[in-house]
Amino acid sequence: MDSAGSSEQDSRITVYYVFTDEKDLWTEDYRFARKFFTYWKKANGAARLYKEVYENEEAMLGGEMLEEDCILTYGPFPY
């Protein structure tokens, strides 16, 4: 891969989005996101953990995702 392709990937931002009933959390720390997922799973019986990838901070603030993947799911879809 050339250096231009490498620098594009280096500027990407990965955010983990955890949510349950009427509660949301965004963090760049995967372990922290897993802890909240586990807590909300037990406390509410429903939780989702998504990985979101953005090109840069401007794209993140504008909600322009490059990728979105559901990593973990538990229970009915939260409201």
PDB file of N, CA and C in Angstrom:
ATOM      1  N   MET A   1       0.847  -1.174   0.000  1.00  0.00           N
ATOM      2  CA  MET A   1       0.000   0.000   0.000  1.00  0.00           C
ATOM      3  C   MET A   1       0.889   1.232   0.000  1.00  0.00           C
ATOM      4  N   ASP A   2       0.461   2.260  -0.716  1.00  0.00           N
ATOM      5  CA  ASP A   2       1.259   3.482  -0.750  1.00  0.00           C
ATOM      6  C   ASP A   2       1.025   4.324   0.488  1.00  0.00           C
ATOM      7  N   SER A   3       1.856   5.329   0.679  1.00  0.00           N
ATOM      8  CA  SER A   3       1.753   6.150   1.892  1.00  0.00           C
ATOM      9  C   SER A   3       0.464   6.952   1.927  1.00  0.00           C
ATOM     10  N   ALA A   4      -0.094   7.331   0.782  1.00  0.00           N
ATOM     11  CA  ALA A   4      -1.353   8.079   0.759  1.00  0.00           C
ATOM     12  C   ALA A   4      -2.483   7.210   1.310  1.00  0.00           C
ATOM     13  N   GLY A   5      -2.549   5.951   0.906  1.00  0.00           N
ATOM     14  CA  GLY A   5      -3.583   5.050   1.417  1.00  0.00           C
ATOM     15  C   GLY A   5      -3.426   4.802   2.894  1.00  0.00           C
ATOM     16  N   SER A   6      -2.178   4.704   3.345  1.00  0.00           N
ATOM     17  CA  SER A   6      -1.907   4.481   4.754  1.00  0.00           C
ATOM     18  C   SER A   6      -2.334   5.676   5.597  1.00  0.00           C
ATOM     19  N   SER A   7      -2.060   6.893   5.128  1.00  0.00           N
ATOM     20  CA  SER A   7      -2.421   8.075   5.904  1.00  0.00           C
ATOM     21  C   SER A   7      -3.924   8.266   5.952  1.00  0.00           C
ATOM     22  N   GLU A   8      -4.647   7.825   4.894  1.00  0.00           N
ATOM     23  CA  GLU A   8      -6.103   7.906   4.922  1.00  0.00           C
ATOM     24  C   GLU A   8      -6.653   7.032   6.028  1.00  0.00           C
ATOM     25  N   GLN A   9      -6.132   5.803   6.164  1.00  0.00           N
ATOM     26  CA  GLN A   9      -6.622   4.913   7.206  1.00  0.00           C
ATOM     27  C   GLN A   9      -6.222   5.410   8.586  1.00  0.00           C
ATOM     28  N   ASP A  10      -5.064   6.038   8.702  1.00  0.00           N
ATOM     29  CA  ASP A  10      -4.621   6.553   9.995  1.00  0.00           C
ATOM     30  C   ASP A  10      -5.538   7.648  10.520  1.00  0.00           C
ATOM     31  N   SER A  11      -6.167   8.412   9.625  1.00  0.00           N
ATOM     32  CA  SER A  11      -7.025   9.502  10.067  1.00  0.00           C
ATOM     33  C   SER A  11      -8.441   9.022  10.409  1.00  0.00           C
ATOM     34  N   ARG A  12      -8.738   7.776  10.117  1.00  0.00           N
ATOM     35  CA  ARG A  12     -10.076   7.255  10.430  1.00  0.00           C
ATOM     36  C   ARG A  12     -10.302   7.202  11.939  1.00  0.00           C
ATOM     37  N   ILE A  13     -11.545   7.411  12.321  1.00  0.00           N
ATOM     38  CA  ILE A  13     -11.929   7.400  13.727  1.00  0.00           C
ATOM     39  C   ILE A  13     -12.914   6.259  13.944  1.00  0.00           C
ATOM     40  N   THR A  14     -12.623   5.399  14.913  1.00  0.00           N
ATOM     41  CA  THR A  14     -13.532   4.314  15.278  1.00  0.00           C
ATOM     42  C   THR A  14     -14.200   4.668  16.598  1.00  0.00           C
ATOM     43  N   VAL A  15     -15.526   4.598  16.582  1.00  0.00           N
ATOM     44  CA  VAL A  15     -16.325   4.905  17.771  1.00  0.00           C
ATOM     45  C   VAL A  15     -17.223   3.711  18.041  1.00  0.00           C
ATOM     46  N   TYR A  16     -17.379   3.377  19.300  1.00  0.00           N
ATOM     47  CA  TYR A  16     -18.282   2.304  19.702  1.00  0.00           C
ATOM     48  C   TYR A  16     -19.535   2.927  20.287  1.00  0.00           C
ATOM     49  N   TYR A  17     -20.669   2.503  19.769  1.00  0.00           N
ATOM     50  CA  TYR A  17     -21.967   3.053  20.155  1.00  0.00           C
ATOM     51  C   TYR A  17     -22.742   1.963  20.888  1.00  0.00           C
ATOM     52  N   VAL A  18     -23.063   2.223  22.145  1.00  0.00           N
ATOM     53  CA  VAL A  18     -23.820   1.283  22.970  1.00  0.00           C
ATOM     54  C   VAL A  18     -25.159   1.931  23.290  1.00  0.00           C
ATOM     55  N   PHE A  19     -26.235   1.167  23.168  1.00  0.00           N
ATOM     56  CA  PHE A  19     -27.525   1.739  23.539  1.00  0.00           C
ATOM     57  C   PHE A  19     -28.464   0.696  24.105  1.00  0.00           C
ATOM     58  N   THR A  20     -29.390   1.199  24.884  1.00  0.00           N
ATOM     59  CA  THR A  20     -30.452   0.417  25.480  1.00  0.00           C
ATOM     60  C   THR A  20     -31.663   1.333  25.534  1.00  0.00           C
ATOM     61  N   ASP A  21     -32.696   0.954  26.263  1.00  0.00           N
ATOM     62  CA  ASP A  21     -33.918   1.749  26.327  1.00  0.00           C
ATOM     63  C   ASP A  21     -33.625   3.170  26.806  1.00  0.00           C
ATOM     64  N   GLU A  22     -33.800   4.138  25.911  1.00  0.00           N
ATOM     65  CA  GLU A  22     -33.671   5.570  26.201  1.00  0.00           C
ATOM     66  C   GLU A  22     -32.301   5.985  26.747  1.00  0.00           C
ATOM     67  N   LYS A  23     -31.262   5.192  26.484  1.00  0.00           N
ATOM     68  CA  LYS A  23     -29.905   5.527  26.923  1.00  0.00           C
ATOM     69  C   LYS A  23     -28.936   5.233  25.796  1.00  0.00           C
ATOM     70  N   ASP A  24     -27.970   6.145  25.594  1.00  0.00           N
ATOM     71  CA  ASP A  24     -26.959   6.001  24.544  1.00  0.00           C
ATOM     72  C   ASP A  24     -25.594   6.355  25.102  1.00  0.00           C
ATOM     73  N   LEU A  25     -24.560   5.707  24.553  1.00  0.00           N
ATOM     74  CA  LEU A  25     -23.187   6.029  24.916  1.00  0.00           C
ATOM     75  C   LEU A  25     -22.312   5.857  23.681  1.00  0.00           C
ATOM     76  N   TRP A  26     -21.469   6.864  23.398  1.00  0.00           N
ATOM     77  CA  TRP A  26     -20.470   6.776  22.336  1.00  0.00           C
ATOM     78  C   TRP A  26     -19.106   6.903  22.982  1.00  0.00           C
ATOM     79  N   THR A  27     -18.181   6.026  22.623  1.00  0.00           N
ATOM     80  CA  THR A  27     -16.833   6.060  23.171  1.00  0.00           C
ATOM     81  C   THR A  27     -15.844   5.474  22.158  1.00  0.00           C
ATOM     82  N   GLU A  28     -14.599   5.892  22.249  1.00  0.00           N
ATOM     83  CA  GLU A  28     -13.549   5.306  21.419  1.00  0.00           C
ATOM     84  C   GLU A  28     -12.888   4.116  22.120  1.00  0.00           C
ATOM     85  N   ASP A  29     -13.281   3.849  23.355  1.00  0.00           N
ATOM     86  CA  ASP A  29     -12.695   2.788  24.177  1.00  0.00           C
ATOM     87  C   ASP A  29     -13.574   1.532  24.112  1.00  0.00           C
ATOM     88  N   TYR A  30     -13.099   0.512  23.403  1.00  0.00           N
ATOM     89  CA  TYR A  30     -13.881  -0.712  23.233  1.00  0.00           C
ATOM     90  C   TYR A  30     -14.185  -1.402  24.564  1.00  0.00           C
ATOM     91  N   ARG A  31     -13.197  -1.478  25.455  1.00  0.00           N
ATOM     92  CA  ARG A  31     -13.420  -2.156  26.747  1.00  0.00           C
ATOM     93  C   ARG A  31     -14.489  -1.442  27.567  1.00  0.00           C
ATOM     94  N   PHE A  32     -14.477  -0.121  27.539  1.00  0.00           N
ATOM     95  CA  PHE A  32     -15.496   0.670  28.248  1.00  0.00           C
ATOM     96  C   PHE A  32     -16.879   0.393  27.643  1.00  0.00           C
ATOM     97  N   ALA A  33     -16.943   0.342  26.320  1.00  0.00           N
ATOM     98  CA  ALA A  33     -18.210   0.055  25.644  1.00  0.00           C
ATOM     99  C   ALA A  33     -18.734  -1.329  26.024  1.00  0.00           C
ATOM    100  N   ARG A  34     -17.839  -2.330  26.079  1.00  0.00           N
ATOM    101  CA  ARG A  34     -18.244  -3.685  26.480  1.00  0.00           C
ATOM    102  C   ARG A  34     -18.793  -3.715  27.901  1.00  0.00           C
ATOM    103  N   LYS A  35     -18.164  -2.954  28.792  1.00  0.00           N
ATOM    104  CA  LYS A  35     -18.655  -2.907  30.177  1.00  0.00           C
ATOM    105  C   LYS A  35     -20.066  -2.344  30.237  1.00  0.00           C
ATOM    106  N   PHE A  36     -20.324  -1.265  29.495  1.00  0.00           N
ATOM    107  CA  PHE A  36     -21.675  -0.697  29.482  1.00  0.00           C
ATOM    108  C   PHE A  36     -22.662  -1.655  28.842  1.00  0.00           C
ATOM    109  N   PHE A  37     -22.260  -2.315  27.757  1.00  0.00           N
ATOM    110  CA  PHE A  37     -23.137  -3.290  27.123  1.00  0.00           C
ATOM    111  C   PHE A  37     -23.551  -4.359  28.135  1.00  0.00           C
ATOM    112  N   THR A  38     -22.582  -4.906  28.834  1.00  0.00           N
ATOM    113  CA  THR A  38     -22.861  -5.955  29.819  1.00  0.00           C
ATOM    114  C   THR A  38     -23.762  -5.438  30.937  1.00  0.00           C
ATOM    115  N   TYR A  39     -23.489  -4.240  31.410  1.00  0.00           N
ATOM    116  CA  TYR A  39     -24.309  -3.648  32.480  1.00  0.00           C
ATOM    117  C   TYR A  39     -25.748  -3.448  32.002  1.00  0.00           C
ATOM    118  N   TRP A  40     -25.925  -2.822  30.840  1.00  0.00           N
ATOM    119  CA  TRP A  40     -27.271  -2.551  30.339  1.00  0.00           C
ATOM    120  C   TRP A  40     -27.997  -3.833  29.962  1.00  0.00           C
ATOM    121  N   LYS A  41     -27.275  -4.821  29.491  1.00  0.00           N
ATOM    122  CA  LYS A  41     -27.865  -6.126  29.182  1.00  0.00           C
ATOM    123  C   LYS A  41     -28.505  -6.707  30.442  1.00  0.00           C
ATOM    124  N   LYS A  42     -27.763  -6.675  31.547  1.00  0.00           N
ATOM    125  CA  LYS A  42     -28.271  -7.232  32.807  1.00  0.00           C
ATOM    126  C   LYS A  42     -29.354  -6.347  33.415  1.00  0.00           C
ATOM    127  N   ALA A  43     -29.152  -5.032  33.385  1.00  0.00           N
ATOM    128  CA  ALA A  43     -30.077  -4.104  34.037  1.00  0.00           C
ATOM    129  C   ALA A  43     -31.389  -3.944  33.276  1.00  0.00           C
ATOM    130  N   ASN A  44     -31.331  -3.948  31.940  1.00  0.00           N
ATOM    131  CA  ASN A  44     -32.525  -3.647  31.145  1.00  0.00           C
ATOM    132  C   ASN A  44     -33.034  -4.804  30.299  1.00  0.00           C
ATOM    133  N   GLY A  45     -32.234  -5.860  30.163  1.00  0.00           N
ATOM    134  CA  GLY A  45     -32.652  -7.003  29.351  1.00  0.00           C
ATOM    135  C   GLY A  45     -32.562  -6.761  27.854  1.00  0.00           C
ATOM    136  N   ALA A  46     -31.954  -5.639  27.469  1.00  0.00           N
ATOM    137  CA  ALA A  46     -31.774  -5.329  26.044  1.00  0.00           C
ATOM    138  C   ALA A  46     -30.605  -4.373  25.892  1.00  0.00           C
ATOM    139  N   ALA A  47     -29.744  -4.648  24.907  1.00  0.00           N
ATOM    140  CA  ALA A  47     -28.613  -3.761  24.634  1.00  0.00           C
ATOM    141  C   ALA A  47     -28.065  -4.064  23.251  1.00  0.00           C
ATOM    142  N   ARG A  48     -27.440  -3.062  22.653  1.00  0.00           N
ATOM    143  CA  ARG A  48     -26.768  -3.206  21.360  1.00  0.00           C
ATOM    144  C   ARG A  48     -25.419  -2.509  21.443  1.00  0.00           C
ATOM    145  N   LEU A  49     -24.435  -3.083  20.744  1.00  0.00           N
ATOM    146  CA  LEU A  49     -23.104  -2.478  20.643  1.00  0.00           C
ATOM    147  C   LEU A  49     -22.732  -2.454  19.168  1.00  0.00           C
ATOM    148  N   TYR A  50     -22.498  -1.249  18.663  1.00  0.00           N
ATOM    149  CA  TYR A  50     -22.130  -1.046  17.263  1.00  0.00           C
ATOM    150  C   TYR A  50     -20.735  -0.448  17.173  1.00  0.00           C
ATOM    151  N   LYS A  51     -20.044  -0.775  16.100  1.00  0.00           N
ATOM    152  CA  LYS A  51     -18.764  -0.150  15.758  1.00  0.00           C
ATOM    153  C   LYS A  51     -19.034   0.780  14.585  1.00  0.00           C
ATOM    154  N   GLU A  52     -18.659   2.054  14.735  1.00  0.00           N
ATOM    155  CA  GLU A  52     -18.854   3.042  13.688  1.00  0.00           C
ATOM    156  C   GLU A  52     -17.484   3.580  13.272  1.00  0.00           C
ATOM    157  N   VAL A  53     -17.236   3.670  11.983  1.00  0.00           N
ATOM    158  CA  VAL A  53     -15.961   4.180  11.474  1.00  0.00           C
ATOM    159  C   VAL A  53     -16.241   5.425  10.637  1.00  0.00           C
ATOM    160  N   TYR A  54     -15.490   6.483  10.934  1.00  0.00           N
ATOM    161  CA  TYR A  54     -15.622   7.760  10.242  1.00  0.00           C
ATOM    162  C   TYR A  54     -14.304   8.121   9.577  1.00  0.00           C
ATOM    163  N   GLU A  55     -14.371   8.861   8.482  1.00  0.00           N
ATOM    164  CA  GLU A  55     -13.170   9.259   7.757  1.00  0.00           C
ATOM    165  C   GLU A  55     -12.292  10.194   8.588  1.00  0.00           C
ATOM    166  N   ASN A  56     -12.923  11.113   9.300  1.00  0.00           N
ATOM    167  CA  ASN A  56     -12.204  12.083  10.133  1.00  0.00           C
ATOM    168  C   ASN A  56     -13.187  12.704  11.116  1.00  0.00           C
ATOM    169  N   GLU A  57     -12.708  13.639  11.925  1.00  0.00           N
ATOM    170  CA  GLU A  57     -13.569  14.243  12.942  1.00  0.00           C
ATOM    171  C   GLU A  57     -14.724  15.028  12.326  1.00  0.00           C
ATOM    172  N   GLU A  58     -14.462  15.719  11.237  1.00  0.00           N
ATOM    173  CA  GLU A  58     -15.516  16.487  10.569  1.00  0.00           C
ATOM    174  C   GLU A  58     -16.644  15.566  10.105  1.00  0.00           C
ATOM    175  N   ALA A  59     -16.293  14.443   9.527  1.00  0.00           N
ATOM    176  CA  ALA A  59     -17.296  13.467   9.085  1.00  0.00           C
ATOM    177  C   ALA A  59     -18.056  12.905  10.281  1.00  0.00           C
ATOM    178  N   MET A  60     -17.349  12.662  11.383  1.00  0.00           N
ATOM    179  CA  MET A  60     -17.998  12.140  12.582  1.00  0.00           C
ATOM    180  C   MET A  60     -19.028  13.134  13.107  1.00  0.00           C
ATOM    181  N   LEU A  61     -18.658  14.402  13.183  1.00  0.00           N
ATOM    182  CA  LEU A  61     -19.581  15.426  13.677  1.00  0.00           C
ATOM    183  C   LEU A  61     -20.771  15.608  12.741  1.00  0.00           C
ATOM    184  N   GLY A  62     -20.561  15.317  11.450  1.00  0.00           N
ATOM    185  CA  GLY A  62     -21.649  15.410  10.477  1.00  0.00           C
ATOM    186  C   GLY A  62     -22.440  14.123  10.324  1.00  0.00           C
ATOM    187  N   GLY A  63     -22.047  13.071  11.048  1.00  0.00           N
ATOM    188  CA  GLY A  63     -22.768  11.802  10.998  1.00  0.00           C
ATOM    189  C   GLY A  63     -22.558  11.023   9.710  1.00  0.00           C
ATOM    190  N   GLU A  64     -21.432  11.258   9.026  1.00  0.00           N
ATOM    191  CA  GLU A  64     -21.145  10.583   7.759  1.00  0.00           C
ATOM    192  C   GLU A  64     -20.242   9.372   7.998  1.00  0.00           C
ATOM    193  N   MET A  65     -20.843   8.216   8.224  1.00  0.00           N
ATOM    194  CA  MET A  65     -20.108   6.993   8.520  1.00  0.00           C
ATOM    195  C   MET A  65     -19.578   6.315   7.271  1.00  0.00           C
ATOM    196  N   LEU A  66     -18.388   5.721   7.400  1.00  0.00           N
ATOM    197  CA  LEU A  66     -17.850   4.865   6.350  1.00  0.00           C
ATOM    198  C   LEU A  66     -18.340   3.434   6.555  1.00  0.00           C
ATOM    199  N   GLU A  67     -18.424   3.030   7.821  1.00  0.00           N
ATOM    200  CA  GLU A  67     -18.850   1.665   8.166  1.00  0.00           C
ATOM    201  C   GLU A  67     -19.677   1.705   9.444  1.00  0.00           C
ATOM    202  N   GLU A  68     -20.611   0.762   9.545  1.00  0.00           N
ATOM    203  CA  GLU A  68     -21.370   0.565  10.773  1.00  0.00           C
ATOM    204  C   GLU A  68     -21.630  -0.932  10.891  1.00  0.00           C
ATOM    205  N   ASP A  69     -21.160  -1.511  11.990  1.00  0.00           N
ATOM    206  CA  ASP A  69     -21.329  -2.947  12.199  1.00  0.00           C
ATOM    207  C   ASP A  69     -21.885  -3.201  13.591  1.00  0.00           C
ATOM    208  N   CYS A  70     -22.895  -4.062  13.667  1.00  0.00           N
ATOM    209  CA  CYS A  70     -23.411  -4.489  14.956  1.00  0.00           C
ATOM    210  C   CYS A  70     -22.477  -5.579  15.478  1.00  0.00           C
ATOM    211  N   ILE A  71     -21.846  -5.321  16.617  1.00  0.00           N
ATOM    212  CA  ILE A  71     -20.886  -6.265  17.193  1.00  0.00           C
ATOM    213  C   ILE A  71     -21.576  -7.217  18.163  1.00  0.00           C
ATOM    214  N   LEU A  72     -22.414  -6.664  19.040  1.00  0.00           N
ATOM    215  CA  LEU A  72     -23.120  -7.478  20.034  1.00  0.00           C
ATOM    216  C   LEU A  72     -24.573  -7.036  20.123  1.00  0.00           C
ATOM    217  N   THR A  73     -25.430  -8.003  20.376  1.00  0.00           N
ATOM    218  CA  THR A  73     -26.848  -7.711  20.532  1.00  0.00           C
ATOM    219  C   THR A  73     -27.425  -8.632  21.599  1.00  0.00           C
ATOM    220  N   TYR A  74     -28.360  -8.104  22.371  1.00  0.00           N
ATOM    221  CA  TYR A  74     -29.010  -8.912  23.397  1.00  0.00           C
ATOM    222  C   TYR A  74     -30.434  -8.417  23.591  1.00  0.00           C
ATOM    223  N   GLY A  75     -31.378  -9.340  23.612  1.00  0.00           N
ATOM    224  CA  GLY A  75     -32.766  -9.020  23.900  1.00  0.00           C
ATOM    225  C   GLY A  75     -33.474  -8.327  22.742  1.00  0.00           C
ATOM    226  N   PRO A  76     -34.697  -7.852  23.015  1.00  0.00           N
ATOM    227  CA  PRO A  76     -35.461  -7.156  21.968  1.00  0.00           C
ATOM    228  C   PRO A  76     -34.789  -5.825  21.637  1.00  0.00           C
ATOM    229  N   PHE A  77     -35.088  -5.289  20.462  1.00  0.00           N
ATOM    230  CA  PHE A  77     -34.477  -4.025  20.066  1.00  0.00           C
ATOM    231  C   PHE A  77     -34.926  -2.928  21.024  1.00  0.00           C
ATOM    232  N   PRO A  78     -33.969  -2.196  21.610  1.00  0.00           N
ATOM    233  CA  PRO A  78     -34.330  -1.140  22.568  1.00  0.00           C
ATOM    234  C   PRO A  78     -35.187  -0.058  21.932  1.00  0.00           C
ATOM    235  N   TYR A  79     -36.032   0.536  22.746  1.00  0.00           N
ATOM    236  CA  TYR A  79     -36.880   1.634  22.247  1.00  0.00           C
ATOM    237  C   TYR A  79     -36.263   2.961  22.534  1.00  0.00           C
TER     238      TYR A  79
END
